[in-house]
Amino acid sequence: MSKYLDESYDIIEKDNLTVIDYSRMKELRKLIPQEDEVEFLGNYETFYSRLPEIAEKTGGYNFLEEEDK
């Protein structure tokens, strides 16, 4: 298991997600080794399902990159 996969677990386990967490998960998606990709995508899906938490704090979904809209 890579340090990037470990970091993705740490992010999805946080109580309060932020825009910084969103940006980091996007970064991790590019850095994740191929052997951890399937497991990471599960974490990414979990994170993605929690985007409304960030939107609530920021007042909307303006923080999303175009590909996630």
C-alpha atoms as a PDB file:
ATOM      1  CA  MET A   1       0.000   0.000   0.000  1.00  0.00           C
ATOM      2  CA  SER A   2       1.409   3.358  -1.010  1.00  0.00           C
ATOM      3  CA  LYS A   3       1.698   6.465   1.099  1.00  0.00           C
ATOM      4  CA  TYR A   4      -0.759   8.100  -1.299  1.00  0.00           C
ATOM      5  CA  LEU A   5      -3.381   5.453  -0.622  1.00  0.00           C
ATOM      6  CA  ASP A   6      -2.785   5.877   3.114  1.00  0.00           C
ATOM      7  CA  GLU A   7      -3.254   9.620   2.729  1.00  0.00           C
ATOM      8  CA  SER A   8      -6.539   9.114   0.856  1.00  0.00           C
ATOM      9  CA  TYR A   9      -7.797   6.996   3.763  1.00  0.00           C
ATOM     10  CA  ASP A  10      -6.805   9.747   6.191  1.00  0.00           C
ATOM     11  CA  ILE A  11      -8.761  12.300   4.178  1.00  0.00           C
ATOM     12  CA  ILE A  12     -11.977  10.300   3.885  1.00  0.00           C
ATOM     13  CA  GLU A  13     -11.902   9.569   7.616  1.00  0.00           C
ATOM     14  CA  LYS A  14     -11.837  13.276   8.530  1.00  0.00           C
ATOM     15  CA  ASP A  15     -14.890  14.707  10.251  1.00  0.00           C
ATOM     16  CA  ASN A  16     -14.668  18.060   8.481  1.00  0.00           C
ATOM     17  CA  LEU A  17     -13.694  18.044   4.829  1.00  0.00           C
ATOM     18  CA  THR A  18     -12.390  21.207   3.172  1.00  0.00           C
ATOM     19  CA  VAL A  19     -11.649  22.519  -0.292  1.00  0.00           C
ATOM     20  CA  ILE A  20      -8.004  21.750   0.450  1.00  0.00           C
ATOM     21  CA  ASP A  21      -8.968  18.086   0.923  1.00  0.00           C
ATOM     22  CA  TYR A  22     -10.764  18.176  -2.431  1.00  0.00           C
ATOM     23  CA  SER A  23      -7.656  19.549  -4.126  1.00  0.00           C
ATOM     24  CA  ARG A  24      -5.434  16.980  -2.452  1.00  0.00           C
ATOM     25  CA  MET A  25      -7.668  14.067  -3.489  1.00  0.00           C
ATOM     26  CA  LYS A  26      -7.498  15.341  -7.077  1.00  0.00           C
ATOM     27  CA  GLU A  27      -3.711  15.417  -6.781  1.00  0.00           C
ATOM     28  CA  LEU A  28      -3.566  11.954  -5.244  1.00  0.00           C
ATOM     29  CA  ARG A  29      -5.604  10.579  -8.136  1.00  0.00           C
ATOM     30  CA  LYS A  30      -2.737  11.555 -10.446  1.00  0.00           C
ATOM     31  CA  LEU A  31      -0.020  10.211  -8.129  1.00  0.00           C
ATOM     32  CA  ILE A  32      -1.509   6.875  -7.072  1.00  0.00           C
ATOM     33  CA  PRO A  33       0.490   3.849  -8.249  1.00  0.00           C
ATOM     34  CA  GLN A  34      -1.331   1.557 -10.643  1.00  0.00           C
ATOM     35  CA  GLU A  35      -1.369  -1.331  -8.153  1.00  0.00           C
ATOM     36  CA  ASP A  36      -3.369   0.823  -5.700  1.00  0.00           C
ATOM     37  CA  GLU A  37      -5.683   2.367  -8.266  1.00  0.00           C
ATOM     38  CA  VAL A  38      -8.739   0.144  -7.690  1.00  0.00           C
ATOM     39  CA  GLU A  39      -8.638   0.631  -3.929  1.00  0.00           C
ATOM     40  CA  PHE A  40      -8.026   4.357  -4.328  1.00  0.00           C
ATOM     41  CA  LEU A  41     -11.028   4.718  -6.636  1.00  0.00           C
ATOM     42  CA  GLY A  42     -13.191   3.316  -3.839  1.00  0.00           C
ATOM     43  CA  ASN A  43     -11.831   6.000  -1.521  1.00  0.00           C
ATOM     44  CA  TYR A  44     -12.331   8.629  -4.201  1.00  0.00           C
ATOM     45  CA  GLU A  45     -15.949   7.583  -4.641  1.00  0.00           C
ATOM     46  CA  THR A  46     -16.497   7.834  -0.888  1.00  0.00           C
ATOM     47  CA  PHE A  47     -14.911  11.267  -0.887  1.00  0.00           C
ATOM     48  CA  TYR A  48     -16.987  12.369  -3.872  1.00  0.00           C
ATOM     49  CA  SER A  49     -20.179  11.365  -2.041  1.00  0.00           C
ATOM     50  CA  ARG A  50     -19.182  13.785   0.731  1.00  0.00           C
ATOM     51  CA  LEU A  51     -18.776  16.832  -1.527  1.00  0.00           C
ATOM     52  CA  PRO A  52     -22.102  18.270  -0.267  1.00  0.00           C
ATOM     53  CA  GLU A  53     -20.398  18.736   3.120  1.00  0.00           C
ATOM     54  CA  ILE A  54     -17.810  21.023   1.528  1.00  0.00           C
ATOM     55  CA  ALA A  55     -20.459  22.797  -0.559  1.00  0.00           C
ATOM     56  CA  GLU A  56     -22.453  23.538   2.573  1.00  0.00           C
ATOM     57  CA  LYS A  57     -19.441  25.238   4.180  1.00  0.00           C
ATOM     58  CA  THR A  58     -18.459  27.187   1.067  1.00  0.00           C
ATOM     59  CA  GLY A  59     -21.947  28.169  -0.013  1.00  0.00           C
ATOM     60  CA  GLY A  60     -21.969  26.160  -3.215  1.00  0.00           C
ATOM     61  CA  TYR A  61     -20.035  24.016  -5.622  1.00  0.00           C
ATOM     62  CA  ASN A  62     -17.837  26.742  -7.098  1.00  0.00           C
ATOM     63  CA  PHE A  63     -14.748  24.929  -5.824  1.00  0.00           C
ATOM     64  CA  LEU A  64     -15.291  21.992  -8.224  1.00  0.00           C
ATOM     65  CA  GLU A  65     -13.047  21.615 -11.222  1.00  0.00           C
ATOM     66  CA  GLU A  66     -14.917  21.554 -14.528  1.00  0.00           C
ATOM     67  CA  GLU A  67     -14.568  17.774 -14.917  1.00  0.00           C
ATOM     68  CA  ASP A  68     -16.405  17.201 -11.626  1.00  0.00           C
ATOM     69  CA  LYS A  69     -19.404  19.400 -12.372  1.00  0.00           C
END
